[in-house]
Amino acid sequence: MKSTAPRVIPVFVVLPPRVLLLDVAGPIEVLRKANLEQGEVRFDVRFVGPARKLGSSIGLAVTGIAPLPVRLPDGAMLVVPGHADIPLGEPVTTAGQNDAYEAAIVDWLRRVVRPGIRLATICSGALLAGRAGLLDGIECTTHHGCIAELAHDAPAARVRENRLYVVDGERMTSAGITAGIDLMLHVVAGEVGPGCALAVARFLVVYLRRAGGDPQLSPWLEGRNHMHPSIHRAQDAVAGDPARDWTVPVLAREAATSPRNLSRLFNEHAGMSVTDFVNRMRVALASELLAGSRLDMEAVAERSGFGSARQLRRAWGRLHAAPPSRSRDTTVDH
C-alpha cells in the first residue's frame, strides 16, 4: 500500500531575551509528542530570534538560534513565548540589548504576520504582539500579572482576564506557563483530532481543557476553561462520582462556599448551572456504560445517577441528537 506523506505545519518559535523556558518547553513538548503519536500531521519546529545566543529565565543560555526569517511560509504558525523580568544567575544580555532585541522582534512581527499565519502567544509574549498591533480588535489574554500592561500597550485589544487561553480567528493567546500547554493541546486537537490531544495530555500528566466557545472535546472536560479553585474542587468531586446525590448545598461544602455563591460562580466561570454540569457528567458516565456493558437502560440510568431511564433519556436528549440506544448500537459488538 502506498504511504501518504504527512501534512507539514511549519512552526516558528520566536525567542525573546530572558525567555521563560517553560513557555517554550511545555507547548513544544506537546508538538513533539503529537508527532510521535500519529503520521498524518508533522509539526516542523524551528527556533528563531534576534540573536544567536540569548539568556533564559533559569540562567541557562540558549544557543544555536536561527535569524528571524524575512518571510514566513504559507500556513505557518508563529509561537511567541514570554520572558522573565529577573532571570536566575548572571545575565547574558544587558538591559539595553534586551530593549533592542524586543524592539527588533516587534518590528519583525509587524512585517511578517499576514492572513494565513497563525499567531500563538504564551504568557508575556502577548505584550510583543500587542505592541506590534497584532491584537487590535482581537479578544485576547495573557498572564494575570501582565493584564494591565497589555491593556496599556494594546489599547485597541479586547483583553480578557481569568482565561487559560483565548482563540480569536488566527490569533491565539494564553495565560502563560502551563496554560501554554493547554493552548497547544487545543491546536493539536484541531489539526490532528481529540484522540491525539488526549494521548499527549495523558503523557504530560495534565488536564486537557478547551476554550468555552470551542467544539466539545470530552464531556468530562467541558466547562473547565477557568482558573477558579472553588469551582474546580466542585467539578472534581462530581467527576469522581457522578452518580452521587449532588445537591447544590452538598457541592457548596466541597467548594467551601455558600450554595448561592456556588450557583453564581458556576454560571460565571463554567458557563452552565450546577445542575447542568452534574447532568453532563452523568450522561457521560451513562455513555461509557452503554458502550462498554450489556446493562439494560434502567440499570445504566441507576448506575449513572438518574432516577429512571426516562430521566436519562431526557437529559441525554438535551446534549445529543441521537438517542442513547444508538451509542450502544455503534460500539458494543465491535
C-alpha atoms as a PDB file:
ATOM      1  CA  MET A   1       0.000   0.000   0.000  1.00  0.00           C
ATOM      2  CA  LYS A   2       1.357   3.394  -0.955  1.00  0.00           C
ATOM      3  CA  SER A   3       2.245   5.511   2.049  1.00  0.00           C
ATOM      4  CA  THR A   4       0.962   9.062   2.304  1.00  0.00           C
ATOM      5  CA  ALA A   5       3.375  11.794   3.334  1.00  0.00           C
ATOM      6  CA  PRO A   6       2.298  13.737   6.410  1.00  0.00           C
ATOM      7  CA  ARG A   7       0.960  17.255   6.142  1.00  0.00           C
ATOM      8  CA  VAL A   8       3.693  19.547   7.427  1.00  0.00           C
ATOM      9  CA  ILE A   9       2.916  22.588   9.570  1.00  0.00           C
ATOM     10  CA  PRO A  10       5.899  24.952   9.887  1.00  0.00           C
ATOM     11  CA  VAL A  11       6.181  26.232  13.464  1.00  0.00           C
ATOM     12  CA  PHE A  12       8.474  29.171  14.254  1.00  0.00           C
ATOM     13  CA  VAL A  13       9.238  29.796  17.923  1.00  0.00           C
ATOM     14  CA  VAL A  14      10.485  33.348  18.463  1.00  0.00           C
ATOM     15  CA  LEU A  15      12.863  33.527  21.413  1.00  0.00           C
ATOM     16  CA  PRO A  16      12.983  36.878  23.257  1.00  0.00           C
ATOM     17  CA  PRO A  17      15.801  37.779  25.660  1.00  0.00           C
ATOM     18  CA  ARG A  18      15.371  36.236  29.152  1.00  0.00           C
ATOM     19  CA  VAL A  19      12.943  33.741  27.626  1.00  0.00           C
ATOM     20  CA  LEU A  20      10.791  31.728  30.038  1.00  0.00           C
ATOM     21  CA  LEU A  21      11.935  28.220  29.235  1.00  0.00           C
ATOM     22  CA  LEU A  22       8.705  26.617  30.419  1.00  0.00           C
ATOM     23  CA  ASP A  23       6.814  28.791  27.914  1.00  0.00           C
ATOM     24  CA  VAL A  24       8.875  27.096  25.213  1.00  0.00           C
ATOM     25  CA  ALA A  25       9.396  23.588  26.555  1.00  0.00           C
ATOM     26  CA  GLY A  26       5.764  22.944  27.562  1.00  0.00           C
ATOM     27  CA  PRO A  27       3.983  23.846  24.307  1.00  0.00           C
ATOM     28  CA  ILE A  28       6.708  22.432  22.069  1.00  0.00           C
ATOM     29  CA  GLU A  29       6.790  19.186  24.030  1.00  0.00           C
ATOM     30  CA  VAL A  30       3.102  18.872  23.114  1.00  0.00           C
ATOM     31  CA  LEU A  31       4.013  19.139  19.426  1.00  0.00           C
ATOM     32  CA  ARG A  32       6.925  16.709  19.761  1.00  0.00           C
ATOM     33  CA  LYS A  33       4.717  14.074  21.334  1.00  0.00           C
ATOM     34  CA  ALA A  34       1.965  14.713  18.777  1.00  0.00           C
ATOM     35  CA  ASN A  35       4.482  13.970  16.011  1.00  0.00           C
ATOM     36  CA  LEU A  36       5.228  10.618  17.658  1.00  0.00           C
ATOM     37  CA  GLU A  37       1.582   9.704  18.236  1.00  0.00           C
ATOM     38  CA  GLN A  38       0.479   9.835  14.584  1.00  0.00           C
ATOM     39  CA  GLY A  39       1.717  10.162  10.999  1.00  0.00           C
ATOM     40  CA  GLU A  40      -0.950  12.385   9.487  1.00  0.00           C
ATOM     41  CA  VAL A  41       0.488  15.739  10.542  1.00  0.00           C
ATOM     42  CA  ARG A  42       4.048  16.737  11.382  1.00  0.00           C
ATOM     43  CA  PHE A  43       4.840  19.919  13.274  1.00  0.00           C
ATOM     44  CA  ASP A  44       8.166  21.180  11.903  1.00  0.00           C
ATOM     45  CA  VAL A  45       9.569  23.316  14.726  1.00  0.00           C
ATOM     46  CA  ARG A  46      12.296  25.916  14.277  1.00  0.00           C
ATOM     47  CA  PHE A  47      13.696  28.347  16.831  1.00  0.00           C
ATOM     48  CA  VAL A  48      14.404  31.889  15.658  1.00  0.00           C
ATOM     49  CA  GLY A  49      15.318  35.133  17.336  1.00  0.00           C
ATOM     50  CA  PRO A  50      17.132  38.461  17.223  1.00  0.00           C
ATOM     51  CA  ALA A  51      20.453  36.926  18.362  1.00  0.00           C
ATOM     52  CA  ARG A  52      22.190  33.560  18.028  1.00  0.00           C
ATOM     53  CA  LYS A  53      22.609  33.305  21.812  1.00  0.00           C
ATOM     54  CA  LEU A  54      20.203  34.535  24.491  1.00  0.00           C
ATOM     55  CA  GLY A  55      19.762  34.061  28.197  1.00  0.00           C
ATOM     56  CA  SER A  56      16.796  32.277  29.731  1.00  0.00           C
ATOM     57  CA  SER A  57      14.691  32.660  32.858  1.00  0.00           C
ATOM     58  CA  ILE A  58      16.639  29.990  34.731  1.00  0.00           C
ATOM     59  CA  GLY A  59      20.097  31.236  33.782  1.00  0.00           C
ATOM     60  CA  LEU A  60      20.724  28.605  31.122  1.00  0.00           C
ATOM     61  CA  ALA A  61      21.952  30.122  27.862  1.00  0.00           C
ATOM     62  CA  VAL A  62      20.044  29.228  24.698  1.00  0.00           C
ATOM     63  CA  THR A  63      22.284  28.951  21.650  1.00  0.00           C
ATOM     64  CA  GLY A  64      22.060  27.991  18.006  1.00  0.00           C
ATOM     65  CA  ILE A  65      19.080  30.308  17.423  1.00  0.00           C
ATOM     66  CA  ALA A  66      18.378  30.937  13.746  1.00  0.00           C
ATOM     67  CA  PRO A  67      17.916  34.518  12.474  1.00  0.00           C
ATOM     68  CA  LEU A  68      14.429  35.964  12.126  1.00  0.00           C
ATOM     69  CA  PRO A  69      13.343  34.949   8.607  1.00  0.00           C
ATOM     70  CA  VAL A  70      12.471  37.565   6.015  1.00  0.00           C
ATOM     71  CA  ARG A  71       9.190  35.799   5.240  1.00  0.00           C
ATOM     72  CA  LEU A  72       7.110  33.030   6.789  1.00  0.00           C
ATOM     73  CA  PRO A  73       5.743  30.236   4.591  1.00  0.00           C
ATOM     74  CA  ASP A  74       2.009  29.976   3.990  1.00  0.00           C
ATOM     75  CA  GLY A  75       0.188  28.074   6.699  1.00  0.00           C
ATOM     76  CA  ALA A  76       2.905  28.649   9.288  1.00  0.00           C
ATOM     77  CA  MET A  77       2.262  29.009  13.000  1.00  0.00           C
ATOM     78  CA  LEU A  78       4.257  31.554  14.974  1.00  0.00           C
ATOM     79  CA  VAL A  79       4.771  30.991  18.708  1.00  0.00           C
ATOM     80  CA  VAL A  80       5.887  33.917  20.884  1.00  0.00           C
ATOM     81  CA  PRO A  81       6.794  32.882  24.459  1.00  0.00           C
ATOM     82  CA  GLY A  82       7.193  35.231  27.390  1.00  0.00           C
ATOM     83  CA  HIS A  83      10.217  36.383  29.340  1.00  0.00           C
ATOM     84  CA  ALA A  84      11.331  36.754  32.958  1.00  0.00           C
ATOM     85  CA  ASP A  85      11.965  40.243  34.312  1.00  0.00           C
ATOM     86  CA  ILE A  86      14.596  38.925  36.739  1.00  0.00           C
ATOM     87  CA  PRO A  87      16.267  35.745  35.467  1.00  0.00           C
ATOM     88  CA  LEU A  88      18.307  33.371  37.584  1.00  0.00           C
ATOM     89  CA  GLY A  89      22.067  33.787  37.571  1.00  0.00           C
ATOM     90  CA  GLU A  90      24.256  36.211  35.669  1.00  0.00           C
ATOM     91  CA  PRO A  91      22.538  37.993  32.752  1.00  0.00           C
ATOM     92  CA  VAL A  92      23.633  37.034  29.247  1.00  0.00           C
ATOM     93  CA  THR A  93      22.492  40.323  27.745  1.00  0.00           C
ATOM     94  CA  THR A  94      22.399  43.897  29.038  1.00  0.00           C
ATOM     95  CA  ALA A  95      19.249  45.920  29.632  1.00  0.00           C
ATOM     96  CA  GLY A  96      19.995  47.931  26.513  1.00  0.00           C
ATOM     97  CA  GLN A  97      20.389  44.774  24.431  1.00  0.00           C
ATOM     98  CA  ASN A  98      17.134  43.407  25.817  1.00  0.00           C
ATOM     99  CA  ASP A  99      15.246  46.532  24.759  1.00  0.00           C
ATOM    100  CA  ALA A 100      16.841  46.469  21.302  1.00  0.00           C
ATOM    101  CA  TYR A 101      16.096  42.778  20.810  1.00  0.00           C
ATOM    102  CA  GLU A 102      12.466  43.187  21.877  1.00  0.00           C
ATOM    103  CA  ALA A 103      12.077  46.157  19.535  1.00  0.00           C
ATOM    104  CA  ALA A 104      13.523  44.055  16.708  1.00  0.00           C
ATOM    105  CA  ILE A 105      11.001  41.291  17.397  1.00  0.00           C
ATOM    106  CA  VAL A 106       8.084  43.755  17.461  1.00  0.00           C
ATOM    107  CA  ASP A 107       9.189  45.292  14.157  1.00  0.00           C
ATOM    108  CA  TRP A 108       9.631  41.840  12.630  1.00  0.00           C
ATOM    109  CA  LEU A 109       6.176  40.722  13.787  1.00  0.00           C
ATOM    110  CA  ARG A 110       4.605  43.749  12.088  1.00  0.00           C
ATOM    111  CA  ARG A 111       6.270  42.803   8.808  1.00  0.00           C
ATOM    112  CA  VAL A 112       5.838  39.029   8.629  1.00  0.00           C
ATOM    113  CA  VAL A 113       2.438  38.277  10.167  1.00  0.00           C
ATOM    114  CA  ARG A 114      -0.202  38.271   7.446  1.00  0.00           C
ATOM    115  CA  PRO A 115      -3.510  36.477   6.796  1.00  0.00           C
ATOM    116  CA  GLY A 116      -2.940  32.738   6.809  1.00  0.00           C
ATOM    117  CA  ILE A 117      -0.253  32.909   9.524  1.00  0.00           C
ATOM    118  CA  ARG A 118      -1.445  31.799  12.933  1.00  0.00           C
ATOM    119  CA  LEU A 119      -0.002  33.597  15.924  1.00  0.00           C
ATOM    120  CA  ALA A 120       0.153  31.931  19.341  1.00  0.00           C
ATOM    121  CA  THR A 121       1.450  33.928  22.285  1.00  0.00           C
ATOM    122  CA  ILE A 122       2.421  32.417  25.614  1.00  0.00           C
ATOM    123  CA  CYS A 123       2.391  34.488  28.798  1.00  0.00           C
ATOM    124  CA  SER A 124       4.003  37.923  28.311  1.00  0.00           C
ATOM    125  CA  GLY A 125       4.648  37.121  24.647  1.00  0.00           C
ATOM    126  CA  ALA A 126       1.283  38.823  24.134  1.00  0.00           C
ATOM    127  CA  LEU A 127       2.937  42.122  25.028  1.00  0.00           C
ATOM    128  CA  LEU A 128       5.213  41.896  21.986  1.00  0.00           C
ATOM    129  CA  ALA A 129       2.276  41.019  19.737  1.00  0.00           C
ATOM    130  CA  GLY A 130       0.249  43.835  21.261  1.00  0.00           C
ATOM    131  CA  ARG A 131       2.999  46.384  20.629  1.00  0.00           C
ATOM    132  CA  ALA A 132       3.119  45.189  17.032  1.00  0.00           C
ATOM    133  CA  GLY A 133      -0.597  45.979  16.662  1.00  0.00           C
ATOM    134  CA  LEU A 134      -1.456  42.328  16.037  1.00  0.00           C
ATOM    135  CA  LEU A 135      -4.060  42.185  18.811  1.00  0.00           C
ATOM    136  CA  ASP A 136      -6.004  45.302  17.817  1.00  0.00           C
ATOM    137  CA  GLY A 137      -9.703  44.437  17.872  1.00  0.00           C
ATOM    138  CA  ILE A 138      -8.821  40.920  18.996  1.00  0.00           C
ATOM    139  CA  GLU A 139     -10.149  39.142  22.080  1.00  0.00           C
ATOM    140  CA  CYS A 140      -7.033  38.070  23.948  1.00  0.00           C
ATOM    141  CA  THR A 141      -5.436  37.297  27.298  1.00  0.00           C
ATOM    142  CA  THR A 142      -2.052  36.983  28.980  1.00  0.00           C
ATOM    143  CA  HIS A 143      -0.538  36.107  32.346  1.00  0.00           C
ATOM    144  CA  HIS A 144      -2.536  37.701  35.168  1.00  0.00           C
ATOM    145  CA  GLY A 145       0.495  39.759  36.133  1.00  0.00           C
ATOM    146  CA  CYS A 146       0.628  41.319  32.650  1.00  0.00           C
ATOM    147  CA  ILE A 147      -3.066  42.079  32.082  1.00  0.00           C
ATOM    148  CA  ALA A 148      -2.801  45.783  32.924  1.00  0.00           C
ATOM    149  CA  GLU A 149       0.363  46.177  30.859  1.00  0.00           C
ATOM    150  CA  LEU A 150      -1.230  44.518  27.841  1.00  0.00           C
ATOM    151  CA  ALA A 151      -4.290  46.759  28.117  1.00  0.00           C
ATOM    152  CA  HIS A 152      -1.960  49.776  28.225  1.00  0.00           C
ATOM    153  CA  ASP A 153       0.328  48.674  25.376  1.00  0.00           C
ATOM    154  CA  ALA A 154      -2.532  47.499  23.142  1.00  0.00           C
ATOM    155  CA  PRO A 155      -5.500  49.783  23.969  1.00  0.00           C
ATOM    156  CA  ALA A 156      -7.417  48.550  20.904  1.00  0.00           C
ATOM    157  CA  ALA A 157      -7.211  44.929  22.062  1.00  0.00           C
ATOM    158  CA  ARG A 158     -10.125  43.282  23.878  1.00  0.00           C
ATOM    159  CA  VAL A 159      -8.170  41.992  26.860  1.00  0.00           C
ATOM    160  CA  ARG A 160      -9.861  39.263  28.919  1.00  0.00           C
ATOM    161  CA  GLU A 161      -8.946  38.302  32.480  1.00  0.00           C
ATOM    162  CA  ASN A 162      -9.156  34.890  34.164  1.00  0.00           C
ATOM    163  CA  ARG A 163      -8.820  32.878  30.953  1.00  0.00           C
ATOM    164  CA  LEU A 164      -6.493  29.964  30.351  1.00  0.00           C
ATOM    165  CA  TYR A 165      -6.384  30.898  26.696  1.00  0.00           C
ATOM    166  CA  VAL A 166      -8.411  32.737  24.103  1.00  0.00           C
ATOM    167  CA  VAL A 167      -8.725  31.898  20.411  1.00  0.00           C
ATOM    168  CA  ASP A 168      -9.919  34.666  18.105  1.00  0.00           C
ATOM    169  CA  GLY A 169      -9.514  33.668  14.485  1.00  0.00           C
ATOM    170  CA  GLU A 170      -5.820  33.314  13.680  1.00  0.00           C
ATOM    171  CA  ARG A 171      -4.796  34.908  17.000  1.00  0.00           C
ATOM    172  CA  MET A 172      -4.305  32.616  19.986  1.00  0.00           C
ATOM    173  CA  THR A 173      -3.206  33.937  23.363  1.00  0.00           C
ATOM    174  CA  SER A 174      -2.666  32.131  26.644  1.00  0.00           C
ATOM    175  CA  ALA A 175      -2.230  32.986  30.307  1.00  0.00           C
ATOM    176  CA  GLY A 176       1.217  31.516  30.056  1.00  0.00           C
ATOM    177  CA  ILE A 177       3.439  28.969  31.745  1.00  0.00           C
ATOM    178  CA  THR A 178       1.347  25.772  31.906  1.00  0.00           C
ATOM    179  CA  ALA A 179      -1.597  27.414  30.116  1.00  0.00           C
ATOM    180  CA  GLY A 180       0.609  27.362  27.027  1.00  0.00           C
ATOM    181  CA  ILE A 181       0.341  23.585  27.165  1.00  0.00           C
ATOM    182  CA  ASP A 182      -3.459  23.847  27.206  1.00  0.00           C
ATOM    183  CA  LEU A 183      -3.355  26.122  24.178  1.00  0.00           C
ATOM    184  CA  MET A 184      -1.089  23.805  22.201  1.00  0.00           C
ATOM    185  CA  LEU A 185      -3.260  20.801  23.081  1.00  0.00           C
ATOM    186  CA  HIS A 186      -6.114  22.786  21.557  1.00  0.00           C
ATOM    187  CA  VAL A 187      -4.040  23.238  18.380  1.00  0.00           C
ATOM    188  CA  VAL A 188      -3.242  19.518  18.227  1.00  0.00           C
ATOM    189  CA  ALA A 189      -6.905  18.608  18.720  1.00  0.00           C
ATOM    190  CA  GLY A 190      -7.871  20.882  15.835  1.00  0.00           C
ATOM    191  CA  GLU A 191      -5.146  19.706  13.464  1.00  0.00           C
ATOM    192  CA  VAL A 192      -4.990  16.004  14.258  1.00  0.00           C
ATOM    193  CA  GLY A 193      -8.031  15.182  16.375  1.00  0.00           C
ATOM    194  CA  PRO A 194      -9.079  14.902  20.023  1.00  0.00           C
ATOM    195  CA  GLY A 195      -7.740  11.364  20.366  1.00  0.00           C
ATOM    196  CA  CYS A 196      -4.174  12.503  19.745  1.00  0.00           C
ATOM    197  CA  ALA A 197      -4.586  15.511  22.041  1.00  0.00           C
ATOM    198  CA  LEU A 198      -5.877  13.268  24.836  1.00  0.00           C
ATOM    199  CA  ALA A 199      -2.943  10.867  24.370  1.00  0.00           C
ATOM    200  CA  VAL A 200      -0.476  13.756  24.580  1.00  0.00           C
ATOM    201  CA  ALA A 201      -2.220  15.166  27.670  1.00  0.00           C
ATOM    202  CA  ARG A 202      -2.022  11.781  29.386  1.00  0.00           C
ATOM    203  CA  PHE A 203       1.689  11.548  28.562  1.00  0.00           C
ATOM    204  CA  LEU A 204       2.307  15.010  30.022  1.00  0.00           C
ATOM    205  CA  VAL A 205       0.073  14.236  33.036  1.00  0.00           C
ATOM    206  CA  VAL A 206      -2.005  17.387  32.611  1.00  0.00           C
ATOM    207  CA  TYR A 207      -5.664  18.267  32.472  1.00  0.00           C
ATOM    208  CA  LEU A 208      -6.920  18.802  28.945  1.00  0.00           C
ATOM    209  CA  ARG A 209      -9.105  21.899  28.831  1.00  0.00           C
ATOM    210  CA  ARG A 210     -10.856  23.634  25.960  1.00  0.00           C
ATOM    211  CA  ALA A 211     -11.920  27.224  25.437  1.00  0.00           C
ATOM    212  CA  GLY A 212     -15.573  27.800  26.339  1.00  0.00           C
ATOM    213  CA  GLY A 213     -16.730  28.528  22.801  1.00  0.00           C
ATOM    214  CA  ASP A 214     -14.883  25.674  21.132  1.00  0.00           C
ATOM    215  CA  PRO A 215     -16.471  22.412  19.986  1.00  0.00           C
ATOM    216  CA  GLN A 216     -16.775  19.845  22.718  1.00  0.00           C
ATOM    217  CA  LEU A 217     -13.747  17.589  23.062  1.00  0.00           C
ATOM    218  CA  SER A 218     -14.791  15.498  26.041  1.00  0.00           C
ATOM    219  CA  PRO A 219     -17.800  15.861  28.326  1.00  0.00           C
ATOM    220  CA  TRP A 220     -15.501  15.199  31.278  1.00  0.00           C
ATOM    221  CA  LEU A 221     -13.506  18.315  30.397  1.00  0.00           C
ATOM    222  CA  GLU A 222     -16.218  20.726  29.293  1.00  0.00           C
ATOM    223  CA  GLY A 223     -16.653  23.797  31.451  1.00  0.00           C
ATOM    224  CA  ARG A 224     -13.085  23.576  32.799  1.00  0.00           C
ATOM    225  CA  ASN A 225     -11.656  26.567  30.928  1.00  0.00           C
ATOM    226  CA  HIS A 226     -11.245  28.731  34.010  1.00  0.00           C
ATOM    227  CA  MET A 227      -8.899  29.118  36.947  1.00  0.00           C
ATOM    228  CA  HIS A 228     -11.325  29.351  39.864  1.00  0.00           C
ATOM    229  CA  PRO A 229     -10.193  26.845  42.537  1.00  0.00           C
ATOM    230  CA  SER A 230     -13.589  26.518  44.241  1.00  0.00           C
ATOM    231  CA  ILE A 231     -15.307  25.538  41.007  1.00  0.00           C
ATOM    232  CA  HIS A 232     -12.539  23.088  40.125  1.00  0.00           C
ATOM    233  CA  ARG A 233     -12.961  21.448  43.538  1.00  0.00           C
ATOM    234  CA  ALA A 234     -16.682  21.025  42.956  1.00  0.00           C
ATOM    235  CA  GLN A 235     -16.161  19.773  39.395  1.00  0.00           C
ATOM    236  CA  ASP A 236     -13.506  17.292  40.512  1.00  0.00           C
ATOM    237  CA  ALA A 237     -15.887  15.925  43.142  1.00  0.00           C
ATOM    238  CA  VAL A 238     -18.687  15.401  40.610  1.00  0.00           C
ATOM    239  CA  ALA A 239     -16.349  13.880  38.004  1.00  0.00           C
ATOM    240  CA  GLY A 240     -15.063  11.443  40.636  1.00  0.00           C
ATOM    241  CA  ASP A 241     -18.556  10.112  41.464  1.00  0.00           C
ATOM    242  CA  PRO A 242     -21.255  11.413  39.088  1.00  0.00           C
ATOM    243  CA  ALA A 243     -23.931   9.077  40.468  1.00  0.00           C
ATOM    244  CA  ARG A 244     -23.803  10.574  43.953  1.00  0.00           C
ATOM    245  CA  ASP A 245     -26.695  12.789  45.052  1.00  0.00           C
ATOM    246  CA  TRP A 246     -25.008  16.087  44.229  1.00  0.00           C
ATOM    247  CA  THR A 247     -27.310  18.796  45.528  1.00  0.00           C
ATOM    248  CA  VAL A 248     -26.124  22.394  45.415  1.00  0.00           C
ATOM    249  CA  PRO A 249     -25.657  22.539  49.223  1.00  0.00           C
ATOM    250  CA  VAL A 250     -23.575  19.343  49.194  1.00  0.00           C
ATOM    251  CA  LEU A 251     -21.362  20.657  46.401  1.00  0.00           C
ATOM    252  CA  ALA A 252     -21.104  24.032  48.103  1.00  0.00           C
ATOM    253  CA  ARG A 253     -19.474  22.292  51.084  1.00  0.00           C
ATOM    254  CA  GLU A 254     -16.984  20.625  48.721  1.00  0.00           C
ATOM    255  CA  ALA A 255     -16.202  24.016  47.213  1.00  0.00           C
ATOM    256  CA  ALA A 256     -16.019  25.768  50.594  1.00  0.00           C
ATOM    257  CA  THR A 257     -18.546  28.406  49.608  1.00  0.00           C
ATOM    258  CA  SER A 258     -22.244  29.135  50.021  1.00  0.00           C
ATOM    259  CA  PRO A 259     -24.869  27.468  47.782  1.00  0.00           C
ATOM    260  CA  ARG A 260     -25.908  30.833  46.369  1.00  0.00           C
ATOM    261  CA  ASN A 261     -22.318  31.815  45.577  1.00  0.00           C
ATOM    262  CA  LEU A 262     -21.608  28.405  44.071  1.00  0.00           C
ATOM    263  CA  SER A 263     -24.520  28.783  41.657  1.00  0.00           C
ATOM    264  CA  ARG A 264     -23.307  32.237  40.665  1.00  0.00           C
ATOM    265  CA  LEU A 265     -19.717  31.083  40.201  1.00  0.00           C
ATOM    266  CA  PHE A 266     -20.726  28.084  38.090  1.00  0.00           C
ATOM    267  CA  ASN A 267     -22.692  30.250  35.686  1.00  0.00           C
ATOM    268  CA  GLU A 268     -19.930  32.856  35.530  1.00  0.00           C
ATOM    269  CA  HIS A 269     -16.886  30.589  35.194  1.00  0.00           C
ATOM    270  CA  ALA A 270     -18.159  27.264  33.846  1.00  0.00           C
ATOM    271  CA  GLY A 271     -20.822  28.763  31.594  1.00  0.00           C
ATOM    272  CA  MET A 272     -23.545  26.482  32.937  1.00  0.00           C
ATOM    273  CA  SER A 273     -25.563  25.823  36.065  1.00  0.00           C
ATOM    274  CA  VAL A 274     -24.566  23.336  38.748  1.00  0.00           C
ATOM    275  CA  THR A 275     -27.410  21.032  37.686  1.00  0.00           C
ATOM    276  CA  ASP A 276     -26.385  21.203  34.042  1.00  0.00           C
ATOM    277  CA  PHE A 277     -22.815  20.242  34.920  1.00  0.00           C
ATOM    278  CA  VAL A 278     -23.907  17.309  37.096  1.00  0.00           C
ATOM    279  CA  ASN A 279     -26.233  16.026  34.367  1.00  0.00           C
ATOM    280  CA  ARG A 280     -23.474  16.289  31.765  1.00  0.00           C
ATOM    281  CA  MET A 281     -21.201  14.164  33.922  1.00  0.00           C
ATOM    282  CA  ARG A 282     -23.965  11.622  34.449  1.00  0.00           C
ATOM    283  CA  VAL A 283     -24.732  11.454  30.739  1.00  0.00           C
ATOM    284  CA  ALA A 284     -21.004  10.963  30.072  1.00  0.00           C
ATOM    285  CA  LEU A 285     -20.936   8.075  32.559  1.00  0.00           C
ATOM    286  CA  ALA A 286     -24.089   6.584  31.019  1.00  0.00           C
ATOM    287  CA  SER A 287     -22.464   6.779  27.587  1.00  0.00           C
ATOM    288  CA  GLU A 288     -19.473   4.796  28.838  1.00  0.00           C
ATOM    289  CA  LEU A 289     -21.736   2.201  30.469  1.00  0.00           C
ATOM    290  CA  LEU A 290     -23.750   1.816  27.279  1.00  0.00           C
ATOM    291  CA  ALA A 291     -20.632   1.449  25.151  1.00  0.00           C
ATOM    292  CA  GLY A 292     -18.882  -0.985  27.449  1.00  0.00           C
ATOM    293  CA  SER A 293     -21.576  -3.167  29.014  1.00  0.00           C
ATOM    294  CA  ARG A 294     -24.766  -5.119  28.393  1.00  0.00           C
ATOM    295  CA  LEU A 295     -26.696  -3.405  31.168  1.00  0.00           C
ATOM    296  CA  ASP A 296     -30.276  -2.540  30.313  1.00  0.00           C
ATOM    297  CA  MET A 297     -31.322   1.097  30.166  1.00  0.00           C
ATOM    298  CA  GLU A 298     -32.804   1.150  33.683  1.00  0.00           C
ATOM    299  CA  ALA A 299     -29.595  -0.256  35.151  1.00  0.00           C
ATOM    300  CA  VAL A 300     -27.497   2.249  33.226  1.00  0.00           C
ATOM    301  CA  ALA A 301     -29.708   5.077  34.463  1.00  0.00           C
ATOM    302  CA  GLU A 302     -29.430   3.913  38.066  1.00  0.00           C
ATOM    303  CA  ARG A 303     -25.628   3.481  37.964  1.00  0.00           C
ATOM    304  CA  SER A 304     -25.138   6.894  36.401  1.00  0.00           C
ATOM    305  CA  GLY A 305     -27.258   8.706  38.976  1.00  0.00           C
ATOM    306  CA  PHE A 306     -30.603   9.117  37.216  1.00  0.00           C
ATOM    307  CA  GLY A 307     -33.866   8.159  38.886  1.00  0.00           C
ATOM    308  CA  SER A 308     -35.153   6.331  35.824  1.00  0.00           C
ATOM    309  CA  ALA A 309     -34.422   5.549  32.188  1.00  0.00           C
ATOM    310  CA  ARG A 310     -36.892   8.284  31.292  1.00  0.00           C
ATOM    311  CA  GLN A 311     -34.827  10.863  33.181  1.00  0.00           C
ATOM    312  CA  LEU A 312     -31.688   9.593  31.462  1.00  0.00           C
ATOM    313  CA  ARG A 313     -33.272   9.926  28.017  1.00  0.00           C
ATOM    314  CA  ARG A 314     -34.499  13.428  28.819  1.00  0.00           C
ATOM    315  CA  ALA A 315     -31.054  14.597  29.961  1.00  0.00           C
ATOM    316  CA  TRP A 316     -29.407  12.784  27.045  1.00  0.00           C
ATOM    317  CA  GLY A 317     -31.698  14.483  24.557  1.00  0.00           C
ATOM    318  CA  ARG A 318     -30.517  17.916  25.683  1.00  0.00           C
ATOM    319  CA  LEU A 319     -26.965  17.034  24.651  1.00  0.00           C
ATOM    320  CA  HIS A 320     -27.242  14.533  21.793  1.00  0.00           C
ATOM    321  CA  ALA A 321     -29.360  14.350  18.653  1.00  0.00           C
ATOM    322  CA  ALA A 322     -29.344  10.537  18.563  1.00  0.00           C
ATOM    323  CA  PRO A 323     -30.979   8.512  21.366  1.00  0.00           C
ATOM    324  CA  PRO A 324     -28.820   6.715  23.979  1.00  0.00           C
ATOM    325  CA  SER A 325     -29.522   3.341  22.385  1.00  0.00           C
ATOM    326  CA  ARG A 326     -27.564   4.490  19.313  1.00  0.00           C
ATOM    327  CA  SER A 327     -24.427   4.749  21.441  1.00  0.00           C
ATOM    328  CA  ARG A 328     -24.638   1.034  22.176  1.00  0.00           C
ATOM    329  CA  ASP A 329     -25.559   0.096  18.610  1.00  0.00           C
ATOM    330  CA  THR A 330     -22.445   1.702  17.172  1.00  0.00           C
ATOM    331  CA  THR A 331     -19.905   0.438  19.687  1.00  0.00           C
ATOM    332  CA  VAL A 332     -20.818  -2.686  21.616  1.00  0.00           C
ATOM    333  CA  ASP A 333     -20.203  -5.518  19.172  1.00  0.00           C
ATOM    334  CA  HIS A 334     -17.092  -4.139  17.513  1.00  0.00           C
END
